[in-house]
């Protein structure tokens, strides 16, 4: 449950981070504004978007790293055994019924006779 919540938060932060990076202007966009192309007029003013978008991008980048580290930690904290050796013997080898006249318990498997 916790892993799923952090995974959803990680995906949301990643998509928001991608959107914010694509919204920002490149460093070369300021050179075009000097010659009157009008690229400097943005929704936040001529320079106001740079501090807002860069600050928000930095916050989302920090959140992305935190969710990445948390997902890595949560993924390594498994309690179920994953190898055959760590499992209980009843999971690895199911009991084989033995005829009653042999005198052995029913749950002990018999080996085939050697020839």
N, C-alpha and C. Protein backbone atom coordinates (compact mmCIF):
# COMPACT_ATOMS: atom_id res chain seq x y z
N UNK A 1 0.83 -1.20 0.00
CA UNK A 1 0.00 0.00 0.00
C UNK A 1 0.87 1.26 0.00
N UNK A 2 1.89 1.26 0.85
CA UNK A 2 2.77 2.42 0.93
C UNK A 2 3.56 2.57 -0.36
N UNK A 3 3.99 1.43 -0.91
CA UNK A 3 4.75 1.46 -2.16
C UNK A 3 3.91 2.07 -3.28
N UNK A 4 2.63 1.71 -3.34
CA UNK A 4 1.75 2.24 -4.38
C UNK A 4 1.55 3.74 -4.23
N UNK A 5 1.40 4.21 -3.00
CA UNK A 5 1.23 5.65 -2.79
C UNK A 5 2.47 6.43 -3.22
N UNK A 6 3.64 5.92 -2.85
CA UNK A 6 4.86 6.62 -3.26
C UNK A 6 5.10 6.52 -4.76
N UNK A 7 4.68 5.43 -5.36
CA UNK A 7 4.83 5.29 -6.81
C UNK A 7 3.94 6.28 -7.55
N UNK A 8 2.71 6.45 -7.08
CA UNK A 8 1.81 7.43 -7.71
C UNK A 8 2.35 8.84 -7.51
N UNK A 9 2.83 9.15 -6.31
CA UNK A 9 3.40 10.48 -6.07
C UNK A 9 4.64 10.71 -6.94
N UNK A 10 5.43 9.68 -7.13
CA UNK A 10 6.64 9.79 -7.95
C UNK A 10 6.28 10.10 -9.41
N UNK A 11 5.27 9.43 -9.93
CA UNK A 11 4.85 9.67 -11.31
C UNK A 11 4.28 11.08 -11.47
N UNK A 12 3.48 11.53 -10.51
CA UNK A 12 2.90 12.88 -10.57
C UNK A 12 4.00 13.94 -10.53
N UNK A 13 4.97 13.75 -9.64
CA UNK A 13 6.08 14.71 -9.55
C UNK A 13 6.90 14.70 -10.83
N UNK A 14 7.12 13.53 -11.41
CA UNK A 14 7.90 13.44 -12.66
C UNK A 14 7.20 14.16 -13.81
N UNK A 15 5.90 13.97 -13.92
CA UNK A 15 5.15 14.64 -15.00
C UNK A 15 5.15 16.16 -14.80
N UNK A 16 4.97 16.60 -13.56
CA UNK A 16 5.00 18.04 -13.28
C UNK A 16 6.37 18.63 -13.54
N UNK A 17 7.41 17.88 -13.21
CA UNK A 17 8.77 18.35 -13.46
C UNK A 17 9.05 18.47 -14.96
N UNK A 18 8.59 17.51 -15.73
CA UNK A 18 8.76 17.58 -17.18
C UNK A 18 8.01 18.78 -17.75
N UNK A 19 6.80 19.01 -17.28
CA UNK A 19 6.01 20.15 -17.78
C UNK A 19 6.69 21.48 -17.44
N UNK A 20 7.21 21.61 -16.23
CA UNK A 20 7.86 22.87 -15.85
C UNK A 20 9.15 23.11 -16.62
N UNK A 21 9.89 22.06 -16.89
CA UNK A 21 11.13 22.24 -17.67
C UNK A 21 10.80 22.67 -19.09
N UNK A 22 9.74 22.10 -19.65
CA UNK A 22 9.36 22.48 -21.01
C UNK A 22 8.77 23.88 -21.08
N UNK A 23 8.20 24.40 -19.99
CA UNK A 23 7.65 25.75 -19.98
C UNK A 23 8.72 26.83 -19.93
N UNK A 24 9.88 26.49 -19.41
CA UNK A 24 10.92 27.51 -19.23
C UNK A 24 11.58 27.87 -20.55
N UNK A 25 12.03 29.12 -20.61
CA UNK A 25 12.75 29.59 -21.79
C UNK A 25 14.21 29.20 -21.68
N UNK A 26 14.83 28.99 -22.82
CA UNK A 26 16.25 28.68 -22.84
C UNK A 26 17.08 29.92 -22.58
N UNK A 27 18.36 29.72 -22.38
CA UNK A 27 19.26 30.85 -22.15
C UNK A 27 19.43 31.71 -23.40
N UNK A 28 19.28 31.12 -24.56
CA UNK A 28 19.43 31.86 -25.80
C UNK A 28 18.22 32.70 -26.16
N UNK A 29 17.12 32.58 -25.45
CA UNK A 29 15.91 33.34 -25.76
C UNK A 29 16.08 34.81 -25.42
N UNK A 30 16.97 35.15 -24.50
CA UNK A 30 17.17 36.55 -24.13
C UNK A 30 17.86 37.34 -25.23
N UNK A 31 18.66 36.70 -26.04
CA UNK A 31 19.35 37.39 -27.13
C UNK A 31 18.36 37.85 -28.20
N UNK A 32 17.34 37.07 -28.45
CA UNK A 32 16.33 37.45 -29.43
C UNK A 32 15.48 38.60 -28.94
N UNK A 33 15.28 38.71 -27.65
CA UNK A 33 14.48 39.79 -27.09
C UNK A 33 15.19 41.13 -27.22
N UNK A 34 16.49 41.12 -27.28
CA UNK A 34 17.25 42.37 -27.39
C UNK A 34 17.04 43.02 -28.75
N UNK A 35 16.72 42.28 -29.77
CA UNK A 35 16.51 42.82 -31.10
C UNK A 35 15.06 43.09 -31.42
N UNK A 36 14.20 43.03 -30.40
CA UNK A 36 12.82 43.43 -30.59
C UNK A 36 11.89 42.35 -31.10
N UNK A 37 12.20 41.11 -30.87
CA UNK A 37 11.32 40.05 -31.35
C UNK A 37 10.11 39.87 -30.45
N UNK A 38 10.12 40.47 -29.28
CA UNK A 38 8.97 40.39 -28.38
C UNK A 38 8.94 39.12 -27.57
N UNK A 39 10.00 38.38 -27.52
CA UNK A 39 10.02 37.12 -26.76
C UNK A 39 10.13 37.35 -25.26
N UNK A 40 10.44 38.57 -24.87
CA UNK A 40 10.63 38.82 -23.44
C UNK A 40 9.33 39.04 -22.71
N UNK A 41 8.23 39.24 -23.41
CA UNK A 41 6.95 39.44 -22.72
C UNK A 41 6.34 38.09 -22.41
N UNK A 42 6.25 37.75 -21.15
CA UNK A 42 5.68 36.48 -20.73
C UNK A 42 4.53 36.74 -19.78
N UNK A 43 3.94 35.70 -19.29
CA UNK A 43 2.79 35.83 -18.40
C UNK A 43 3.19 36.45 -17.06
N UNK A 44 4.42 36.21 -16.61
CA UNK A 44 4.86 36.71 -15.33
C UNK A 44 5.69 37.99 -15.43
N UNK A 45 5.76 38.60 -16.59
CA UNK A 45 6.59 39.78 -16.79
C UNK A 45 7.86 39.40 -17.53
N UNK A 46 8.73 40.39 -17.75
CA UNK A 46 9.91 40.11 -18.57
C UNK A 46 10.91 39.20 -17.86
N UNK A 47 11.02 39.26 -16.56
CA UNK A 47 11.98 38.42 -15.84
C UNK A 47 11.32 37.68 -14.67
N UNK A 48 10.06 37.93 -14.40
CA UNK A 48 9.41 37.35 -13.25
C UNK A 48 9.20 35.86 -13.33
N UNK A 49 9.12 35.29 -14.51
CA UNK A 49 8.88 33.86 -14.62
C UNK A 49 10.12 33.04 -14.29
N UNK A 50 11.28 33.62 -14.47
CA UNK A 50 12.50 32.86 -14.25
C UNK A 50 12.65 32.44 -12.80
N UNK A 51 12.40 33.34 -11.88
CA UNK A 51 12.57 32.97 -10.48
C UNK A 51 11.45 32.04 -10.01
N UNK A 52 10.21 32.27 -10.46
CA UNK A 52 9.09 31.42 -10.06
C UNK A 52 9.25 30.01 -10.60
N UNK A 53 9.51 29.91 -11.91
CA UNK A 53 9.62 28.59 -12.52
C UNK A 53 10.86 27.84 -12.05
N UNK A 54 11.96 28.54 -11.89
CA UNK A 54 13.18 27.86 -11.44
C UNK A 54 13.06 27.41 -9.99
N UNK A 55 12.40 28.19 -9.15
CA UNK A 55 12.20 27.79 -7.76
C UNK A 55 11.26 26.59 -7.68
N UNK A 56 10.20 26.60 -8.46
CA UNK A 56 9.27 25.47 -8.48
C UNK A 56 9.94 24.22 -9.05
N UNK A 57 10.78 24.40 -10.06
CA UNK A 57 11.51 23.27 -10.62
C UNK A 57 12.47 22.68 -9.59
N UNK A 58 13.13 23.51 -8.82
CA UNK A 58 14.04 23.02 -7.79
C UNK A 58 13.28 22.25 -6.71
N UNK A 59 12.11 22.73 -6.33
CA UNK A 59 11.31 22.03 -5.32
C UNK A 59 10.84 20.68 -5.86
N UNK A 60 10.38 20.66 -7.10
CA UNK A 60 9.94 19.39 -7.69
C UNK A 60 11.09 18.42 -7.89
N UNK A 61 12.27 18.94 -8.22
CA UNK A 61 13.44 18.08 -8.37
C UNK A 61 13.81 17.44 -7.02
N UNK A 62 13.74 18.21 -5.95
CA UNK A 62 14.01 17.66 -4.62
C UNK A 62 12.96 16.61 -4.24
N UNK A 63 11.71 16.87 -4.57
CA UNK A 63 10.66 15.90 -4.29
C UNK A 63 10.85 14.63 -5.13
N UNK A 64 11.33 14.78 -6.36
CA UNK A 64 11.60 13.62 -7.21
C UNK A 64 12.70 12.75 -6.62
N UNK A 65 13.77 13.38 -6.13
CA UNK A 65 14.86 12.62 -5.51
C UNK A 65 14.38 11.93 -4.22
N UNK A 66 13.59 12.62 -3.43
CA UNK A 66 13.09 12.02 -2.19
C UNK A 66 12.17 10.83 -2.46
N UNK A 67 11.29 10.96 -3.44
CA UNK A 67 10.42 9.83 -3.76
C UNK A 67 11.22 8.68 -4.37
N UNK A 68 12.26 8.99 -5.13
CA UNK A 68 13.11 7.93 -5.69
C UNK A 68 13.80 7.15 -4.59
N UNK A 69 14.38 7.87 -3.63
CA UNK A 69 15.07 7.21 -2.52
C UNK A 69 14.08 6.42 -1.65
N UNK A 70 12.90 6.97 -1.43
CA UNK A 70 11.90 6.27 -0.63
C UNK A 70 11.41 5.01 -1.32
N UNK A 71 11.19 5.08 -2.63
CA UNK A 71 10.78 3.89 -3.37
C UNK A 71 11.86 2.82 -3.34
N UNK A 72 13.11 3.21 -3.45
CA UNK A 72 14.20 2.24 -3.39
C UNK A 72 14.26 1.58 -2.01
N UNK A 73 14.06 2.36 -0.96
CA UNK A 73 14.09 1.81 0.40
C UNK A 73 12.92 0.87 0.64
N UNK A 74 11.73 1.28 0.24
CA UNK A 74 10.53 0.46 0.47
C UNK A 74 10.60 -0.83 -0.34
N UNK A 75 11.16 -0.77 -1.54
CA UNK A 75 11.25 -1.96 -2.38
C UNK A 75 12.21 -3.00 -1.81
N UNK A 76 13.21 -2.57 -1.05
CA UNK A 76 14.16 -3.53 -0.48
C UNK A 76 13.68 -4.12 0.83
N UNK A 77 12.62 -3.61 1.41
CA UNK A 77 12.13 -4.10 2.70
C UNK A 77 11.06 -5.17 2.52
N UNK A 78 11.35 -6.20 1.76
CA UNK A 78 10.39 -7.28 1.57
C UNK A 78 10.57 -8.32 2.66
N UNK A 79 9.48 -8.93 3.10
CA UNK A 79 9.55 -9.94 4.15
C UNK A 79 9.25 -11.34 3.63
N UNK A 80 8.74 -11.45 2.42
CA UNK A 80 8.44 -12.76 1.86
C UNK A 80 9.71 -13.35 1.25
N UNK A 81 9.97 -14.64 1.48
CA UNK A 81 11.16 -15.26 0.89
C UNK A 81 11.01 -15.37 -0.62
N UNK A 82 12.09 -15.14 -1.32
CA UNK A 82 12.03 -15.17 -2.77
C UNK A 82 12.76 -16.36 -3.37
N UNK A 83 13.63 -17.02 -2.61
CA UNK A 83 14.35 -18.16 -3.16
C UNK A 83 13.71 -19.46 -2.69
N UNK A 84 13.98 -20.53 -3.40
CA UNK A 84 13.43 -21.83 -3.06
C UNK A 84 14.02 -22.33 -1.75
N UNK A 85 15.26 -21.99 -1.47
CA UNK A 85 15.92 -22.45 -0.25
C UNK A 85 15.27 -21.84 0.99
N UNK A 86 14.81 -20.60 0.91
CA UNK A 86 14.22 -19.93 2.06
C UNK A 86 12.78 -20.36 2.32
N UNK A 87 12.13 -21.00 1.38
CA UNK A 87 10.75 -21.41 1.57
C UNK A 87 10.67 -22.61 2.50
N UNK A 88 9.48 -22.83 3.01
CA UNK A 88 9.25 -24.00 3.87
C UNK A 88 9.32 -25.26 3.03
N UNK A 89 9.75 -26.39 3.59
CA UNK A 89 9.83 -27.62 2.80
C UNK A 89 8.49 -28.06 2.22
N UNK A 90 7.39 -27.73 2.88
CA UNK A 90 6.09 -28.14 2.35
C UNK A 90 5.75 -27.39 1.06
N UNK A 91 6.32 -26.22 0.86
CA UNK A 91 6.07 -25.48 -0.38
C UNK A 91 6.93 -26.02 -1.52
N UNK A 92 8.11 -26.51 -1.19
CA UNK A 92 9.04 -26.97 -2.22
C UNK A 92 8.66 -28.36 -2.70
N UNK A 93 8.43 -29.29 -1.78
CA UNK A 93 8.14 -30.67 -2.13
C UNK A 93 6.83 -31.09 -1.47
N UNK A 94 5.79 -31.26 -2.24
CA UNK A 94 4.51 -31.64 -1.63
C UNK A 94 4.59 -33.07 -1.10
N UNK A 95 3.85 -33.38 -0.04
CA UNK A 95 3.90 -34.74 0.53
C UNK A 95 3.31 -35.76 -0.43
N UNK A 96 3.95 -36.93 -0.47
CA UNK A 96 3.50 -38.02 -1.33
C UNK A 96 2.93 -39.11 -0.43
N UNK A 97 1.72 -39.58 -0.68
CA UNK A 97 1.16 -40.64 0.17
C UNK A 97 1.94 -41.94 0.01
N UNK A 98 2.14 -42.64 1.14
CA UNK A 98 2.87 -43.91 1.16
C UNK A 98 1.88 -44.99 1.58
N UNK A 99 1.98 -46.17 1.01
CA UNK A 99 1.07 -47.23 1.43
C UNK A 99 1.19 -47.53 2.92
N UNK A 100 0.08 -47.88 3.55
CA UNK A 100 0.04 -48.08 4.99
C UNK A 100 0.84 -49.29 5.45
N UNK A 101 1.03 -50.32 4.60
CA UNK A 101 1.72 -51.52 5.03
C UNK A 101 3.23 -51.32 5.19
N UNK A 102 3.76 -50.22 4.66
CA UNK A 102 5.20 -49.99 4.79
C UNK A 102 5.58 -49.56 6.19
N UNK A 103 4.65 -49.03 6.95
CA UNK A 103 4.92 -48.62 8.31
C UNK A 103 5.51 -47.23 8.42
N UNK A 104 5.70 -46.56 7.32
CA UNK A 104 6.24 -45.20 7.35
C UNK A 104 5.09 -44.20 7.44
N UNK A 105 5.40 -43.00 7.94
CA UNK A 105 4.35 -41.96 7.95
C UNK A 105 3.91 -41.61 6.53
N UNK A 106 2.71 -41.12 6.41
CA UNK A 106 2.13 -40.84 5.10
C UNK A 106 2.82 -39.67 4.41
N UNK A 107 3.36 -38.70 5.15
CA UNK A 107 3.89 -37.50 4.50
C UNK A 107 5.36 -37.61 4.10
N UNK A 108 6.01 -38.77 4.26
CA UNK A 108 7.41 -38.93 3.86
C UNK A 108 7.46 -39.52 2.46
N UNK A 109 8.09 -38.83 1.50
CA UNK A 109 8.15 -39.38 0.14
C UNK A 109 9.16 -40.53 0.07
N UNK A 110 8.87 -41.52 -0.77
CA UNK A 110 9.76 -42.66 -0.96
C UNK A 110 10.61 -42.42 -2.20
N UNK A 111 11.83 -42.88 -2.13
CA UNK A 111 12.71 -42.82 -3.28
C UNK A 111 12.46 -44.05 -4.14
N UNK A 112 12.64 -43.93 -5.45
CA UNK A 112 12.46 -45.12 -6.30
C UNK A 112 13.56 -46.14 -6.02
N UNK A 113 13.26 -47.41 -6.17
CA UNK A 113 14.28 -48.45 -5.90
C UNK A 113 15.43 -48.37 -6.91
N UNK A 114 16.63 -48.68 -6.42
CA UNK A 114 17.82 -48.68 -7.30
C UNK A 114 17.83 -49.96 -8.11
N UNK A 115 18.28 -49.85 -9.35
CA UNK A 115 18.30 -51.02 -10.22
C UNK A 115 19.70 -51.38 -10.61
